[in-house]
Amino acid sequence: MDDLNFDQRVAELGQLRDRLHRLEEDDYMTAYYKGYSSEGQTVDEINDEISELRTQVEQLQNELDDE
């Protein structure tokens, strides 16, 4: 992996982690108490997205660790 591609993957990892953090810390609690998040997602939809993002973060982290 060249430096540019590596830097892009690191940036992507940061964005995924930021999204995951927002879902876990803000959107989940909002949906839990109000029934929906600021983006209109239900708790179940948020949980699904959290699970998907965790998988993506883990896969990308493993790819970067292998480099």
PDB file of N, CA and C in Angstrom:
ATOM      1  N   MET A   1       0.858  -1.168   0.000  1.00  0.00           N
ATOM      2  CA  MET A   1       0.000   0.000   0.000  1.00  0.00           C
ATOM      3  C   MET A   1       0.905   1.232   0.000  1.00  0.00           C
ATOM      4  N   ASP A   2       0.692   2.126  -0.924  1.00  0.00           N
ATOM      5  CA  ASP A   2       1.516   3.333  -0.964  1.00  0.00           C
ATOM      6  C   ASP A   2       1.076   4.329   0.115  1.00  0.00           C
ATOM      7  N   ASP A   3       1.893   5.346   0.324  1.00  0.00           N
ATOM      8  CA  ASP A   3       1.631   6.307   1.401  1.00  0.00           C
ATOM      9  C   ASP A   3       0.296   7.027   1.247  1.00  0.00           C
ATOM     10  N   LEU A   4      -0.050   7.404   0.006  1.00  0.00           N
ATOM     11  CA  LEU A   4      -1.300   8.118  -0.218  1.00  0.00           C
ATOM     12  C   LEU A   4      -2.488   7.227   0.126  1.00  0.00           C
ATOM     13  N   ASN A   5      -2.454   5.994  -0.346  1.00  0.00           N
ATOM     14  CA  ASN A   5      -3.538   5.063  -0.060  1.00  0.00           C
ATOM     15  C   ASN A   5      -3.620   4.778   1.441  1.00  0.00           C
ATOM     16  N   PHE A   6      -2.479   4.626   2.086  1.00  0.00           N
ATOM     17  CA  PHE A   6      -2.448   4.396   3.528  1.00  0.00           C
ATOM     18  C   PHE A   6      -3.079   5.572   4.266  1.00  0.00           C
ATOM     19  N   ASP A   7      -2.710   6.789   3.883  1.00  0.00           N
ATOM     20  CA  ASP A   7      -3.266   7.987   4.521  1.00  0.00           C
ATOM     21  C   ASP A   7      -4.775   8.075   4.318  1.00  0.00           C
ATOM     22  N   GLN A   8      -5.241   7.705   3.146  1.00  0.00           N
ATOM     23  CA  GLN A   8      -6.677   7.723   2.873  1.00  0.00           C
ATOM     24  C   GLN A   8      -7.402   6.697   3.737  1.00  0.00           C
ATOM     25  N   ARG A   9      -6.809   5.525   3.904  1.00  0.00           N
ATOM     26  CA  ARG A   9      -7.419   4.480   4.727  1.00  0.00           C
ATOM     27  C   ARG A   9      -7.445   4.898   6.203  1.00  0.00           C
ATOM     28  N   VAL A  10      -6.394   5.577   6.657  1.00  0.00           N
ATOM     29  CA  VAL A  10      -6.365   6.066   8.035  1.00  0.00           C
ATOM     30  C   VAL A  10      -7.456   7.118   8.231  1.00  0.00           C
ATOM     31  N   ALA A  11      -7.619   8.005   7.255  1.00  0.00           N
ATOM     32  CA  ALA A  11      -8.672   9.017   7.327  1.00  0.00           C
ATOM     33  C   ALA A  11     -10.053   8.355   7.343  1.00  0.00           C
ATOM     34  N   GLU A  12     -10.223   7.341   6.525  1.00  0.00           N
ATOM     35  CA  GLU A  12     -11.493   6.602   6.491  1.00  0.00           C
ATOM     36  C   GLU A  12     -11.772   5.945   7.843  1.00  0.00           C
ATOM     37  N   LEU A  13     -10.738   5.366   8.445  1.00  0.00           N
ATOM     38  CA  LEU A  13     -10.879   4.747   9.752  1.00  0.00           C
ATOM     39  C   LEU A  13     -11.316   5.786  10.789  1.00  0.00           C
ATOM     40  N   GLY A  14     -10.723   6.964  10.738  1.00  0.00           N
ATOM     41  CA  GLY A  14     -11.107   8.039  11.651  1.00  0.00           C
ATOM     42  C   GLY A  14     -12.563   8.440  11.481  1.00  0.00           C
ATOM     43  N   GLN A  15     -13.018   8.518  10.246  1.00  0.00           N
ATOM     44  CA  GLN A  15     -14.413   8.882   9.981  1.00  0.00           C
ATOM     45  C   GLN A  15     -15.378   7.811  10.491  1.00  0.00           C
ATOM     46  N   LEU A  16     -15.005   6.549  10.285  1.00  0.00           N
ATOM     47  CA  LEU A  16     -15.846   5.457  10.775  1.00  0.00           C
ATOM     48  C   LEU A  16     -15.929   5.483  12.295  1.00  0.00           C
ATOM     49  N   ARG A  17     -14.792   5.722  12.943  1.00  0.00           N
ATOM     50  CA  ARG A  17     -14.783   5.779  14.411  1.00  0.00           C
ATOM     51  C   ARG A  17     -15.591   6.966  14.927  1.00  0.00           C
ATOM     52  N   ASP A  18     -15.505   8.108  14.235  1.00  0.00           N
ATOM     53  CA  ASP A  18     -16.297   9.276  14.630  1.00  0.00           C
ATOM     54  C   ASP A  18     -17.792   8.982  14.531  1.00  0.00           C
ATOM     55  N   ARG A  19     -18.201   8.365  13.439  1.00  0.00           N
ATOM     56  CA  ARG A  19     -19.614   8.018  13.232  1.00  0.00           C
ATOM     57  C   ARG A  19     -20.065   7.031  14.308  1.00  0.00           C
ATOM     58  N   LEU A  20     -19.238   6.044  14.576  1.00  0.00           N
ATOM     59  CA  LEU A  20     -19.563   5.059  15.597  1.00  0.00           C
ATOM     60  C   LEU A  20     -19.720   5.720  16.967  1.00  0.00           C
ATOM     61  N   HIS A  21     -18.809   6.617  17.286  1.00  0.00           N
ATOM     62  CA  HIS A  21     -18.874   7.333  18.564  1.00  0.00           C
ATOM     63  C   HIS A  21     -20.171   8.138  18.679  1.00  0.00           C
ATOM     64  N   ARG A  22     -20.526   8.866  17.620  1.00  0.00           N
ATOM     65  CA  ARG A  22     -21.767   9.651  17.636  1.00  0.00           C
ATOM     66  C   ARG A  22     -22.990   8.757  17.836  1.00  0.00           C
ATOM     67  N   LEU A  23     -22.996   7.621  17.153  1.00  0.00           N
ATOM     68  CA  LEU A  23     -24.123   6.704  17.301  1.00  0.00           C
ATOM     69  C   LEU A  23     -24.215   6.178  18.727  1.00  0.00           C
ATOM     70  N   GLU A  24     -23.091   5.763  19.275  1.00  0.00           N
ATOM     71  CA  GLU A  24     -23.086   5.175  20.614  1.00  0.00           C
ATOM     72  C   GLU A  24     -23.385   6.198  21.704  1.00  0.00           C
ATOM     73  N   GLU A  25     -22.848   7.387  21.577  1.00  0.00           N
ATOM     74  CA  GLU A  25     -22.947   8.377  22.647  1.00  0.00           C
ATOM     75  C   GLU A  25     -24.164   9.294  22.543  1.00  0.00           C
ATOM     76  N   ASP A  26     -24.569   9.628  21.341  1.00  0.00           N
ATOM     77  CA  ASP A  26     -25.649  10.603  21.172  1.00  0.00           C
ATOM     78  C   ASP A  26     -26.931   9.985  20.630  1.00  0.00           C
ATOM     79  N   ASP A  27     -26.839   9.433  19.448  1.00  0.00           N
ATOM     80  CA  ASP A  27     -28.038   8.961  18.766  1.00  0.00           C
ATOM     81  C   ASP A  27     -28.737   7.831  19.510  1.00  0.00           C
ATOM     82  N   TYR A  28     -27.963   6.909  20.070  1.00  0.00           N
ATOM     83  CA  TYR A  28     -28.576   5.789  20.793  1.00  0.00           C
ATOM     84  C   TYR A  28     -29.410   6.304  21.965  1.00  0.00           C
ATOM     85  N   MET A  29     -28.827   7.184  22.762  1.00  0.00           N
ATOM     86  CA  MET A  29     -29.542   7.688  23.937  1.00  0.00           C
ATOM     87  C   MET A  29     -30.774   8.499  23.539  1.00  0.00           C
ATOM     88  N   THR A  30     -30.633   9.299  22.502  1.00  0.00           N
ATOM     89  CA  THR A  30     -31.778  10.082  22.027  1.00  0.00           C
ATOM     90  C   THR A  30     -32.895   9.151  21.583  1.00  0.00           C
ATOM     91  N   ALA A  31     -32.552   8.145  20.795  1.00  0.00           N
ATOM     92  CA  ALA A  31     -33.556   7.200  20.309  1.00  0.00           C
ATOM     93  C   ALA A  31     -34.162   6.397  21.456  1.00  0.00           C
ATOM     94  N   TYR A  32     -33.350   6.074  22.434  1.00  0.00           N
ATOM     95  CA  TYR A  32     -33.829   5.298  23.576  1.00  0.00           C
ATOM     96  C   TYR A  32     -34.916   6.068  24.332  1.00  0.00           C
ATOM     97  N   TYR A  33     -34.703   7.353  24.532  1.00  0.00           N
ATOM     98  CA  TYR A  33     -35.654   8.148  25.306  1.00  0.00           C
ATOM     99  C   TYR A  33     -36.791   8.724  24.475  1.00  0.00           C
ATOM    100  N   LYS A  34     -36.519   9.114  23.235  1.00  0.00           N
ATOM    101  CA  LYS A  34     -37.544   9.737  22.400  1.00  0.00           C
ATOM    102  C   LYS A  34     -38.209   8.762  21.431  1.00  0.00           C
ATOM    103  N   GLY A  35     -37.574   7.630  21.191  1.00  0.00           N
ATOM    104  CA  GLY A  35     -38.123   6.671  20.250  1.00  0.00           C
ATOM    105  C   GLY A  35     -37.488   6.760  18.873  1.00  0.00           C
ATOM    106  N   TYR A  36     -36.708   7.822  18.659  1.00  0.00           N
ATOM    107  CA  TYR A  36     -36.022   8.014  17.377  1.00  0.00           C
ATOM    108  C   TYR A  36     -34.857   8.973  17.596  1.00  0.00           C
ATOM    109  N   SER A  37     -33.859   8.859  16.734  1.00  0.00           N
ATOM    110  CA  SER A  37     -32.685   9.732  16.843  1.00  0.00           C
ATOM    111  C   SER A  37     -32.922  11.025  16.098  1.00  0.00           C
ATOM    112  N   SER A  38     -31.922  11.891  16.108  1.00  0.00           N
ATOM    113  CA  SER A  38     -32.024  13.158  15.370  1.00  0.00           C
ATOM    114  C   SER A  38     -32.116  12.920  13.864  1.00  0.00           C
ATOM    115  N   GLU A  39     -31.674  11.738  13.412  1.00  0.00           N
ATOM    116  CA  GLU A  39     -31.755  11.380  11.996  1.00  0.00           C
ATOM    117  C   GLU A  39     -32.974  10.509  11.698  1.00  0.00           C
ATOM    118  N   GLY A  40     -33.811  10.291  12.713  1.00  0.00           N
ATOM    119  CA  GLY A  40     -35.036   9.526  12.523  1.00  0.00           C
ATOM    120  C   GLY A  40     -34.884   8.023  12.647  1.00  0.00           C
ATOM    121  N   GLN A  41     -33.734   7.558  13.154  1.00  0.00           N
ATOM    122  CA  GLN A  41     -33.511   6.129  13.309  1.00  0.00           C
ATOM    123  C   GLN A  41     -34.076   5.627  14.627  1.00  0.00           C
ATOM    124  N   THR A  42     -34.554   4.383  14.611  1.00  0.00           N
ATOM    125  CA  THR A  42     -35.006   3.743  15.843  1.00  0.00           C
ATOM    126  C   THR A  42     -33.799   3.127  16.552  1.00  0.00           C
ATOM    127  N   VAL A  43     -34.015   2.687  17.776  1.00  0.00           N
ATOM    128  CA  VAL A  43     -32.944   2.049  18.541  1.00  0.00           C
ATOM    129  C   VAL A  43     -32.430   0.815  17.797  1.00  0.00           C
ATOM    130  N   ASP A  44     -33.340   0.021  17.242  1.00  0.00           N
ATOM    131  CA  ASP A  44     -32.929  -1.184  16.509  1.00  0.00           C
ATOM    132  C   ASP A  44     -32.084  -0.835  15.287  1.00  0.00           C
ATOM    133  N   GLU A  45     -32.468   0.207  14.569  1.00  0.00           N
ATOM    134  CA  GLU A  45     -31.691   0.634  13.401  1.00  0.00           C
ATOM    135  C   GLU A  45     -30.308   1.122  13.820  1.00  0.00           C
ATOM    136  N   ILE A  46     -30.251   1.833  14.916  1.00  0.00           N
ATOM    137  CA  ILE A  46     -28.964   2.321  15.426  1.00  0.00           C
ATOM    138  C   ILE A  46     -28.089   1.146  15.849  1.00  0.00           C
ATOM    139  N   ASN A  47     -28.668   0.186  16.544  1.00  0.00           N
ATOM    140  CA  ASN A  47     -27.902  -0.991  16.954  1.00  0.00           C
ATOM    141  C   ASN A  47     -27.352  -1.741  15.744  1.00  0.00           C
ATOM    142  N   ASP A  48     -28.154  -1.856  14.696  1.00  0.00           N
ATOM    143  CA  ASP A  48     -27.688  -2.514  13.471  1.00  0.00           C
ATOM    144  C   ASP A  48     -26.518  -1.757  12.856  1.00  0.00           C
ATOM    145  N   GLU A  49     -26.634  -0.430  12.795  1.00  0.00           N
ATOM    146  CA  GLU A  49     -25.565   0.375  12.214  1.00  0.00           C
ATOM    147  C   GLU A  49     -24.302   0.317  13.083  1.00  0.00           C
ATOM    148  N   ILE A  50     -24.477   0.326  14.390  1.00  0.00           N
ATOM    149  CA  ILE A  50     -23.331   0.216  15.297  1.00  0.00           C
ATOM    150  C   ILE A  50     -22.598  -1.098  15.048  1.00  0.00           C
ATOM    151  N   SER A  51     -23.339  -2.164  14.935  1.00  0.00           N
ATOM    152  CA  SER A  51     -22.734  -3.471  14.681  1.00  0.00           C
ATOM    153  C   SER A  51     -21.982  -3.485  13.355  1.00  0.00           C
ATOM    154  N   GLU A  52     -22.594  -2.924  12.332  1.00  0.00           N
ATOM    155  CA  GLU A  52     -21.966  -2.862  11.011  1.00  0.00           C
ATOM    156  C   GLU A  52     -20.693  -2.014  11.040  1.00  0.00           C
ATOM    157  N   LEU A  53     -20.762  -0.875  11.704  1.00  0.00           N
ATOM    158  CA  LEU A  53     -19.594   0.001  11.796  1.00  0.00           C
ATOM    159  C   LEU A  53     -18.461  -0.642  12.592  1.00  0.00           C
ATOM    160  N   ARG A  54     -18.800  -1.334  13.655  1.00  0.00           N
ATOM    161  CA  ARG A  54     -17.760  -2.026  14.439  1.00  0.00           C
ATOM    162  C   ARG A  54     -17.024  -3.046  13.580  1.00  0.00           C
ATOM    163  N   THR A  55     -17.770  -3.763  12.752  1.00  0.00           N
ATOM    164  CA  THR A  55     -17.165  -4.740  11.847  1.00  0.00           C
ATOM    165  C   THR A  55     -16.253  -4.050  10.844  1.00  0.00           C
ATOM    166  N   GLN A  56     -16.718  -2.942  10.265  1.00  0.00           N
ATOM    167  CA  GLN A  56     -15.914  -2.200   9.294  1.00  0.00           C
ATOM    168  C   GLN A  56     -14.647  -1.653   9.934  1.00  0.00           C
ATOM    169  N   VAL A  57     -14.768  -1.108  11.133  1.00  0.00           N
ATOM    170  CA  VAL A  57     -13.607  -0.563  11.839  1.00  0.00           C
ATOM    171  C   VAL A  57     -12.594  -1.675  12.113  1.00  0.00           C
ATOM    172  N   GLU A  58     -13.079  -2.808  12.576  1.00  0.00           N
ATOM    173  CA  GLU A  58     -12.183  -3.923  12.873  1.00  0.00           C
ATOM    174  C   GLU A  58     -11.461  -4.414  11.616  1.00  0.00           C
ATOM    175  N   GLN A  59     -12.197  -4.542  10.523  1.00  0.00           N
ATOM    176  CA  GLN A  59     -11.588  -5.000   9.274  1.00  0.00           C
ATOM    177  C   GLN A  59     -10.543  -4.023   8.770  1.00  0.00           C
ATOM    178  N   LEU A  60     -10.868  -2.746   8.790  1.00  0.00           N
ATOM    179  CA  LEU A  60      -9.944  -1.726   8.312  1.00  0.00           C
ATOM    180  C   LEU A  60      -8.720  -1.641   9.220  1.00  0.00           C
ATOM    181  N   GLN A  61      -8.929  -1.738  10.517  1.00  0.00           N
ATOM    182  CA  GLN A  61      -7.817  -1.709  11.459  1.00  0.00           C
ATOM    183  C   GLN A  61      -6.874  -2.892  11.209  1.00  0.00           C
ATOM    184  N   ASN A  62      -7.447  -4.055  10.959  1.00  0.00           N
ATOM    185  CA  ASN A  62      -6.639  -5.234  10.671  1.00  0.00           C
ATOM    186  C   ASN A  62      -5.838  -5.052   9.378  1.00  0.00           C
ATOM    187  N   GLU A  63      -6.450  -4.461   8.365  1.00  0.00           N
ATOM    188  CA  GLU A  63      -5.752  -4.199   7.107  1.00  0.00           C
ATOM    189  C   GLU A  63      -4.561  -3.257   7.344  1.00  0.00           C
ATOM    190  N   LEU A  64      -4.794  -2.217   8.117  1.00  0.00           N
ATOM    191  CA  LEU A  64      -3.737  -1.246   8.375  1.00  0.00           C
ATOM    192  C   LEU A  64      -2.634  -1.849   9.249  1.00  0.00           C
ATOM    193  N   ASP A  65      -3.016  -2.704  10.175  1.00  0.00           N
ATOM    194  CA  ASP A  65      -2.027  -3.352  11.037  1.00  0.00           C
ATOM    195  C   ASP A  65      -1.127  -4.298  10.237  1.00  0.00           C
ATOM    196  N   ASP A  66      -1.675  -4.886   9.189  1.00  0.00           N
ATOM    197  CA  ASP A  66      -0.905  -5.802   8.357  1.00  0.00           C
ATOM    198  C   ASP A  66       0.106  -5.093   7.459  1.00  0.00           C
ATOM    199  N   GLU A  67      -0.052  -3.808   7.315  1.00  0.00           N
ATOM    200  CA  GLU A  67       0.865  -3.044   6.439  1.00  0.00           C
ATOM    201  C   GLU A  67       2.146  -2.699   7.127  1.00  0.00           C
TER     202      GLU A  67
END
